[in-house]
Structure formats: structure tokens, C-alpha cells
Amino acid sequence: MNQKMQIHWDAAGDFLEVRFGKPTPSYYDDLGNDIFERHDNATGEVKGYAFFNVQKRKQKSPQDIEVNVPQASATS
């Protein structure tokens, strides 16, 4: 089963969030450099990423942001 990806951009807050699959109760792990990985509370499965200060990052120097993309699970 394919899971959907949702992308949310908040220009005023300079915040970008990418979510995988249906929303579930989650927690975030701080990966450093204003990047957070979202995990399902029950399973620990990666459910998305949050990026803070995206525009400020771009102004300092253009750079790619690289994170691992989780595999789709049968329950998503």
C-alpha cells in the first residue's frame, strides 16, 4: 500500500514539515541544525521531519538537507 506524504510550509514561522502516512500521536527527536525527526509514539516508526529556520538557512548559504526516507509499511 502506498502511503501519502503531506508537506506543510509556514512562511511566517519559517517552518517546513513533511509527514508520512496518517497522523498519529508522535514525538520528535532533535537531529541538530534545526532539524527534527517525527516518530510514532507506539511503534517508533518515522512519521516525518520538521525543519526550522528554512529561509534563514537559505540566506546564510544554499545547502541541501538530507534525511532518510522511511519505507512504506503495510499499515500506513
PDB file of N, CA and C in Angstrom:
ATOM      1  N   MET A   1       0.842  -1.180   0.000  1.00  0.00           N
ATOM      2  CA  MET A   1       0.000   0.000   0.000  1.00  0.00           C
ATOM      3  C   MET A   1       0.887   1.244   0.000  1.00  0.00           C
ATOM      4  N   ASN A   2       0.569   2.199  -0.840  1.00  0.00           N
ATOM      5  CA  ASN A   2       1.306   3.457  -0.860  1.00  0.00           C
ATOM      6  C   ASN A   2       0.847   4.336   0.278  1.00  0.00           C
ATOM      7  N   GLN A   3       1.813   5.025   0.894  1.00  0.00           N
ATOM      8  CA  GLN A   3       1.423   5.993   1.906  1.00  0.00           C
ATOM      9  C   GLN A   3       1.571   7.392   1.321  1.00  0.00           C
ATOM     10  N   LYS A   4       0.764   8.291   1.799  1.00  0.00           N
ATOM     11  CA  LYS A   4       0.780   9.652   1.304  1.00  0.00           C
ATOM     12  C   LYS A   4       1.803  10.475   2.084  1.00  0.00           C
ATOM     13  N   MET A   5       2.316  11.501   1.425  1.00  0.00           N
ATOM     14  CA  MET A   5       3.228  12.431   2.061  1.00  0.00           C
ATOM     15  C   MET A   5       2.554  13.793   2.057  1.00  0.00           C
ATOM     16  N   GLN A   6       2.511  14.454   3.208  1.00  0.00           N
ATOM     17  CA  GLN A   6       1.960  15.796   3.319  1.00  0.00           C
ATOM     18  C   GLN A   6       3.123  16.757   3.587  1.00  0.00           C
ATOM     19  N   ILE A   7       3.069  17.923   2.936  1.00  0.00           N
ATOM     20  CA  ILE A   7       4.091  18.941   3.132  1.00  0.00           C
ATOM     21  C   ILE A   7       3.389  20.207   3.596  1.00  0.00           C
ATOM     22  N   HIS A   8       3.871  20.758   4.705  1.00  0.00           N
ATOM     23  CA  HIS A   8       3.296  21.981   5.264  1.00  0.00           C
ATOM     24  C   HIS A   8       4.389  23.031   5.351  1.00  0.00           C
ATOM     25  N   TRP A   9       4.138  24.208   4.774  1.00  0.00           N
ATOM     26  CA  TRP A   9       5.074  25.332   4.827  1.00  0.00           C
ATOM     27  C   TRP A   9       4.415  26.484   5.549  1.00  0.00           C
ATOM     28  N   ASP A  10       5.069  27.001   6.583  1.00  0.00           N
ATOM     29  CA  ASP A  10       4.598  28.169   7.321  1.00  0.00           C
ATOM     30  C   ASP A  10       5.631  29.274   7.108  1.00  0.00           C
ATOM     31  N   ALA A  11       5.362  30.173   6.154  1.00  0.00           N
ATOM     32  CA  ALA A  11       6.329  31.217   5.815  1.00  0.00           C
ATOM     33  C   ALA A  11       6.570  32.167   6.988  1.00  0.00           C
ATOM     34  N   ALA A  12       5.497  32.527   7.701  1.00  0.00           N
ATOM     35  CA  ALA A  12       5.643  33.457   8.823  1.00  0.00           C
ATOM     36  C   ALA A  12       6.497  32.850   9.932  1.00  0.00           C
ATOM     37  N   GLY A  13       6.346  31.559  10.157  1.00  0.00           N
ATOM     38  CA  GLY A  13       7.114  30.875  11.192  1.00  0.00           C
ATOM     39  C   GLY A  13       8.438  30.319  10.694  1.00  0.00           C
ATOM     40  N   ASP A  14       8.690  30.419   9.377  1.00  0.00           N
ATOM     41  CA  ASP A  14       9.911  29.899   8.754  1.00  0.00           C
ATOM     42  C   ASP A  14      10.096  28.429   9.133  1.00  0.00           C
ATOM     43  N   PHE A  15       9.036  27.645   8.858  1.00  0.00           N
ATOM     44  CA  PHE A  15       8.946  26.256   9.306  1.00  0.00           C
ATOM     45  C   PHE A  15       8.404  25.389   8.180  1.00  0.00           C
ATOM     46  N   LEU A  16       9.061  24.272   7.925  1.00  0.00           N
ATOM     47  CA  LEU A  16       8.629  23.308   6.918  1.00  0.00           C
ATOM     48  C   LEU A  16       8.483  21.952   7.597  1.00  0.00           C
ATOM     49  N   GLU A  17       7.345  21.290   7.351  1.00  0.00           N
ATOM     50  CA  GLU A  17       7.139  19.952   7.908  1.00  0.00           C
ATOM     51  C   GLU A  17       6.725  19.003   6.790  1.00  0.00           C
ATOM     52  N   VAL A  18       7.318  17.828   6.798  1.00  0.00           N
ATOM     53  CA  VAL A  18       6.980  16.759   5.866  1.00  0.00           C
ATOM     54  C   VAL A  18       6.498  15.586   6.720  1.00  0.00           C
ATOM     55  N   ARG A  19       5.276  15.096   6.419  1.00  0.00           N
ATOM     56  CA  ARG A  19       4.689  13.996   7.197  1.00  0.00           C
ATOM     57  C   ARG A  19       4.410  12.818   6.272  1.00  0.00           C
ATOM     58  N   PHE A  20       4.581  11.604   6.795  1.00  0.00           N
ATOM     59  CA  PHE A  20       4.349  10.381   6.035  1.00  0.00           C
ATOM     60  C   PHE A  20       3.177   9.619   6.632  1.00  0.00           C
ATOM     61  N   GLY A  21       2.225   9.221   5.792  1.00  0.00           N
ATOM     62  CA  GLY A  21       1.095   8.421   6.237  1.00  0.00           C
ATOM     63  C   GLY A  21       0.095   9.212   7.056  1.00  0.00           C
ATOM     64  N   LYS A  22      -0.803   8.482   7.688  1.00  0.00           N
ATOM     65  CA  LYS A  22      -1.853   9.107   8.500  1.00  0.00           C
ATOM     66  C   LYS A  22      -1.248   9.658   9.792  1.00  0.00           C
ATOM     67  N   PRO A  23      -1.778  10.803  10.276  1.00  0.00           N
ATOM     68  CA  PRO A  23      -1.272  11.373  11.530  1.00  0.00           C
ATOM     69  C   PRO A  23      -1.522  10.426  12.701  1.00  0.00           C
ATOM     70  N   THR A  24      -0.535  10.316  13.564  1.00  0.00           N
ATOM     71  CA  THR A  24      -0.633   9.520  14.785  1.00  0.00           C
ATOM     72  C   THR A  24       0.009  10.310  15.922  1.00  0.00           C
ATOM     73  N   PRO A  25      -0.298   9.971  17.187  1.00  0.00           N
ATOM     74  CA  PRO A  25       0.416  10.613  18.291  1.00  0.00           C
ATOM     75  C   PRO A  25       1.917  10.363  18.108  1.00  0.00           C
ATOM     76  N   SER A  26       2.692  11.428  18.211  1.00  0.00           N
ATOM     77  CA  SER A  26       4.102  11.342  17.870  1.00  0.00           C
ATOM     78  C   SER A  26       4.968  12.149  18.813  1.00  0.00           C
ATOM     79  N   TYR A  27       6.262  11.891  18.731  1.00  0.00           N
ATOM     80  CA  TYR A  27       7.269  12.690  19.428  1.00  0.00           C
ATOM     81  C   TYR A  27       8.372  13.022  18.431  1.00  0.00           C
ATOM     82  N   TYR A  28       9.183  14.024  18.745  1.00  0.00           N
ATOM     83  CA  TYR A  28      10.249  14.460  17.857  1.00  0.00           C
ATOM     84  C   TYR A  28      11.616  14.214  18.478  1.00  0.00           C
ATOM     85  N   ASP A  29      12.554  13.766  17.664  1.00  0.00           N
ATOM     86  CA  ASP A  29      13.959  13.674  18.052  1.00  0.00           C
ATOM     87  C   ASP A  29      14.698  14.821  17.384  1.00  0.00           C
ATOM     88  N   ASP A  30      15.518  15.523  18.145  1.00  0.00           N
ATOM     89  CA  ASP A  30      16.315  16.631  17.627  1.00  0.00           C
ATOM     90  C   ASP A  30      17.542  16.064  16.925  1.00  0.00           C
ATOM     91  N   LEU A  31      17.633  16.270  15.604  1.00  0.00           N
ATOM     92  CA  LEU A  31      18.777  15.787  14.830  1.00  0.00           C
ATOM     93  C   LEU A  31      19.876  16.838  14.746  1.00  0.00           C
ATOM     94  N   GLY A  32      19.633  18.017  15.306  1.00  0.00           N
ATOM     95  CA  GLY A  32      20.596  19.108  15.245  1.00  0.00           C
ATOM     96  C   GLY A  32      20.334  19.999  14.048  1.00  0.00           C
ATOM     97  N   ASN A  33      20.922  21.194  14.073  1.00  0.00           N
ATOM     98  CA  ASN A  33      20.824  22.141  12.969  1.00  0.00           C
ATOM     99  C   ASN A  33      19.367  22.473  12.622  1.00  0.00           C
ATOM    100  N   ASP A  34      18.498  22.551  13.649  1.00  0.00           N
ATOM    101  CA  ASP A  34      17.074  22.897  13.479  1.00  0.00           C
ATOM    102  C   ASP A  34      16.297  21.867  12.664  1.00  0.00           C
ATOM    103  N   ILE A  35      16.707  20.606  12.721  1.00  0.00           N
ATOM    104  CA  ILE A  35      16.021  19.513  12.028  1.00  0.00           C
ATOM    105  C   ILE A  35      15.538  18.516  13.082  1.00  0.00           C
ATOM    106  N   PHE A  36      14.247  18.128  12.953  1.00  0.00           N
ATOM    107  CA  PHE A  36      13.649  17.202  13.908  1.00  0.00           C
ATOM    108  C   PHE A  36      13.007  16.041  13.160  1.00  0.00           C
ATOM    109  N   GLU A  37      13.166  14.831  13.695  1.00  0.00           N
ATOM    110  CA  GLU A  37      12.580  13.626  13.107  1.00  0.00           C
ATOM    111  C   GLU A  37      11.374  13.220  13.953  1.00  0.00           C
ATOM    112  N   ARG A  38      10.237  13.031  13.302  1.00  0.00           N
ATOM    113  CA  ARG A  38       8.994  12.700  13.998  1.00  0.00           C
ATOM    114  C   ARG A  38       8.816  11.180  14.027  1.00  0.00           C
ATOM    115  N   HIS A  39       8.491  10.633  15.231  1.00  0.00           N
ATOM    116  CA  HIS A  39       8.306   9.191  15.416  1.00  0.00           C
ATOM    117  C   HIS A  39       6.950   8.891  16.022  1.00  0.00           C
ATOM    118  N   ASP A  40       6.325   7.813  15.575  1.00  0.00           N
ATOM    119  CA  ASP A  40       5.071   7.331  16.149  1.00  0.00           C
ATOM    120  C   ASP A  40       5.318   6.922  17.603  1.00  0.00           C
ATOM    121  N   ASN A  41       4.455   7.381  18.526  1.00  0.00           N
ATOM    122  CA  ASN A  41       4.606   7.052  19.949  1.00  0.00           C
ATOM    123  C   ASN A  41       4.598   5.553  20.207  1.00  0.00           C
ATOM    124  N   ALA A  42       3.731   4.818  19.534  1.00  0.00           N
ATOM    125  CA  ALA A  42       3.562   3.390  19.818  1.00  0.00           C
ATOM    126  C   ALA A  42       4.613   2.517  19.145  1.00  0.00           C
ATOM    127  N   THR A  43       4.958   2.833  17.901  1.00  0.00           N
ATOM    128  CA  THR A  43       5.827   1.935  17.123  1.00  0.00           C
ATOM    129  C   THR A  43       7.250   2.440  16.942  1.00  0.00           C
ATOM    130  N   GLY A  44       7.465   3.736  17.141  1.00  0.00           N
ATOM    131  CA  GLY A  44       8.778   4.317  16.897  1.00  0.00           C
ATOM    132  C   GLY A  44       9.058   4.572  15.416  1.00  0.00           C
ATOM    133  N   GLU A  45       8.091   4.229  14.552  1.00  0.00           N
ATOM    134  CA  GLU A  45       8.228   4.411  13.110  1.00  0.00           C
ATOM    135  C   GLU A  45       8.413   5.891  12.770  1.00  0.00           C
ATOM    136  N   VAL A  46       9.289   6.186  11.809  1.00  0.00           N
ATOM    137  CA  VAL A  46       9.483   7.564  11.361  1.00  0.00           C
ATOM    138  C   VAL A  46       8.220   8.021  10.646  1.00  0.00           C
ATOM    139  N   LYS A  47       7.656   9.131  11.110  1.00  0.00           N
ATOM    140  CA  LYS A  47       6.416   9.665  10.545  1.00  0.00           C
ATOM    141  C   LYS A  47       6.617  11.002   9.843  1.00  0.00           C
ATOM    142  N   GLY A  48       7.846  11.551   9.892  1.00  0.00           N
ATOM    143  CA  GLY A  48       8.083  12.802   9.188  1.00  0.00           C
ATOM    144  C   GLY A  48       9.277  13.551   9.733  1.00  0.00           C
ATOM    145  N   TYR A  49       9.434  14.777   9.195  1.00  0.00           N
ATOM    146  CA  TYR A  49      10.539  15.649   9.577  1.00  0.00           C
ATOM    147  C   TYR A  49      10.030  17.071   9.688  1.00  0.00           C
ATOM    148  N   ALA A  50      10.646  17.835  10.572  1.00  0.00           N
ATOM    149  CA  ALA A  50      10.351  19.249  10.728  1.00  0.00           C
ATOM    150  C   ALA A  50      11.653  20.028  10.575  1.00  0.00           C
ATOM    151  N   PHE A  51      11.572  21.132   9.834  1.00  0.00           N
ATOM    152  CA  PHE A  51      12.742  21.958   9.563  1.00  0.00           C
ATOM    153  C   PHE A  51      12.429  23.386   9.977  1.00  0.00           C
ATOM    154  N   PHE A  52      13.189  23.920  10.904  1.00  0.00           N
ATOM    155  CA  PHE A  52      13.021  25.289  11.358  1.00  0.00           C
ATOM    156  C   PHE A  52      14.059  26.179  10.681  1.00  0.00           C
ATOM    157  N   ASN A  53      13.748  27.479  10.578  1.00  0.00           N
ATOM    158  CA  ASN A  53      14.667  28.479  10.034  1.00  0.00           C
ATOM    159  C   ASN A  53      15.108  28.160   8.613  1.00  0.00           C
ATOM    160  N   VAL A  54      14.166  27.744   7.781  1.00  0.00           N
ATOM    161  CA  VAL A  54      14.465  27.359   6.404  1.00  0.00           C
ATOM    162  C   VAL A  54      14.952  28.566   5.601  1.00  0.00           C
ATOM    163  N   GLN A  55      14.251  29.690   5.683  1.00  0.00           N
ATOM    164  CA  GLN A  55      14.667  30.880   4.945  1.00  0.00           C
ATOM    165  C   GLN A  55      15.994  31.428   5.459  1.00  0.00           C
ATOM    166  N   LYS A  56      16.189  31.413   6.761  1.00  0.00           N
ATOM    167  CA  LYS A  56      17.463  31.885   7.320  1.00  0.00           C
ATOM    168  C   LYS A  56      18.602  30.996   6.839  1.00  0.00           C
ATOM    169  N   ARG A  57      18.362  29.698   6.755  1.00  0.00           N
ATOM    170  CA  ARG A  57      19.369  28.753   6.278  1.00  0.00           C
ATOM    171  C   ARG A  57      19.749  29.101   4.835  1.00  0.00           C
ATOM    172  N   LYS A  58      18.746  29.399   4.028  1.00  0.00           N
ATOM    173  CA  LYS A  58      18.959  29.722   2.617  1.00  0.00           C
ATOM    174  C   LYS A  58      19.749  31.021   2.472  1.00  0.00           C
ATOM    175  N   GLN A  59      19.491  31.998   3.340  1.00  0.00           N
ATOM    176  CA  GLN A  59      20.180  33.280   3.265  1.00  0.00           C
ATOM    177  C   GLN A  59      21.655  33.151   3.630  1.00  0.00           C
ATOM    178  N   LYS A  60      21.967  32.261   4.576  1.00  0.00           N
ATOM    179  CA  LYS A  60      23.364  32.084   5.001  1.00  0.00           C
ATOM    180  C   LYS A  60      24.187  31.482   3.869  1.00  0.00           C
ATOM    181  N   SER A  61      23.729  30.383   3.344  1.00  0.00           N
ATOM    182  CA  SER A  61      24.379  29.741   2.200  1.00  0.00           C
ATOM    183  C   SER A  61      23.464  28.632   1.719  1.00  0.00           C
ATOM    184  N   PRO A  62      23.259  28.554   0.413  1.00  0.00           N
ATOM    185  CA  PRO A  62      22.402  27.491  -0.108  1.00  0.00           C
ATOM    186  C   PRO A  62      22.989  26.127   0.251  1.00  0.00           C
ATOM    187  N   GLN A  63      22.148  25.247   0.752  1.00  0.00           N
ATOM    188  CA  GLN A  63      22.628  23.910   1.085  1.00  0.00           C
ATOM    189  C   GLN A  63      21.479  22.921   0.984  1.00  0.00           C
ATOM    190  N   ASP A  64      21.833  21.707   0.671  1.00  0.00           N
ATOM    191  CA  ASP A  64      20.850  20.637   0.643  1.00  0.00           C
ATOM    192  C   ASP A  64      20.655  20.116   2.051  1.00  0.00           C
ATOM    193  N   ILE A  65      19.445  19.657   2.324  1.00  0.00           N
ATOM    194  CA  ILE A  65      19.139  18.996   3.582  1.00  0.00           C
ATOM    195  C   ILE A  65      18.878  17.539   3.241  1.00  0.00           C
ATOM    196  N   GLU A  66      19.606  16.629   3.859  1.00  0.00           N
ATOM    197  CA  GLU A  66      19.468  15.217   3.539  1.00  0.00           C
ATOM    198  C   GLU A  66      18.981  14.447   4.766  1.00  0.00           C
ATOM    199  N   VAL A  67      17.902  13.683   4.589  1.00  0.00           N
ATOM    200  CA  VAL A  67      17.378  12.816   5.640  1.00  0.00           C
ATOM    201  C   VAL A  67      16.984  11.485   4.998  1.00  0.00           C
ATOM    202  N   ASN A  68      16.914  10.440   5.790  1.00  0.00           N
ATOM    203  CA  ASN A  68      16.482   9.128   5.275  1.00  0.00           C
ATOM    204  C   ASN A  68      14.977   9.106   5.125  1.00  0.00           C
ATOM    205  N   VAL A  69      14.498   8.540   4.033  1.00  0.00           N
ATOM    206  CA  VAL A  69      13.066   8.414   3.794  1.00  0.00           C
ATOM    207  C   VAL A  69      12.647   7.005   4.222  1.00  0.00           C
ATOM    208  N   PRO A  70      11.656   6.898   5.113  1.00  0.00           N
ATOM    209  CA  PRO A  70      11.244   5.574   5.578  1.00  0.00           C
ATOM    210  C   PRO A  70      10.527   4.775   4.490  1.00  0.00           C
ATOM    211  N   GLN A  71      10.598   3.466   4.606  1.00  0.00           N
ATOM    212  CA  GLN A  71       9.875   2.579   3.709  1.00  0.00           C
ATOM    213  C   GLN A  71       8.407   2.559   4.108  1.00  0.00           C
ATOM    214  N   ALA A  72       7.513   2.468   3.141  1.00  0.00           N
ATOM    215  CA  ALA A  72       6.082   2.395   3.429  1.00  0.00           C
ATOM    216  C   ALA A  72       5.781   1.076   4.114  1.00  0.00           C
ATOM    217  N   SER A  73       4.954   1.128   5.150  1.00  0.00           N
ATOM    218  CA  SER A  73       4.561  -0.089   5.844  1.00  0.00           C
ATOM    219  C   SER A  73       3.160  -0.501   5.384  1.00  0.00           C
ATOM    220  N   ALA A  74       2.814  -1.740   5.627  1.00  0.00           N
ATOM    221  CA  ALA A  74       1.513  -2.264   5.194  1.00  0.00           C
ATOM    222  C   ALA A  74       0.354  -1.615   5.952  1.00  0.00           C
ATOM    223  N   THR A  75       0.625  -1.015   7.123  1.00  0.00           N
ATOM    224  CA  THR A  75      -0.444  -0.442   7.933  1.00  0.00           C
ATOM    225  C   THR A  75      -0.640   1.045   7.686  1.00  0.00           C
ATOM    226  N   SER A  76       0.181   1.667   6.839  1.00  0.00           N
ATOM    227  CA  SER A  76       0.054   3.107   6.600  1.00  0.00           C
ATOM    228  C   SER A  76      -1.065   3.421   5.660  1.00  0.00           C
TER     229      SER A  76
END
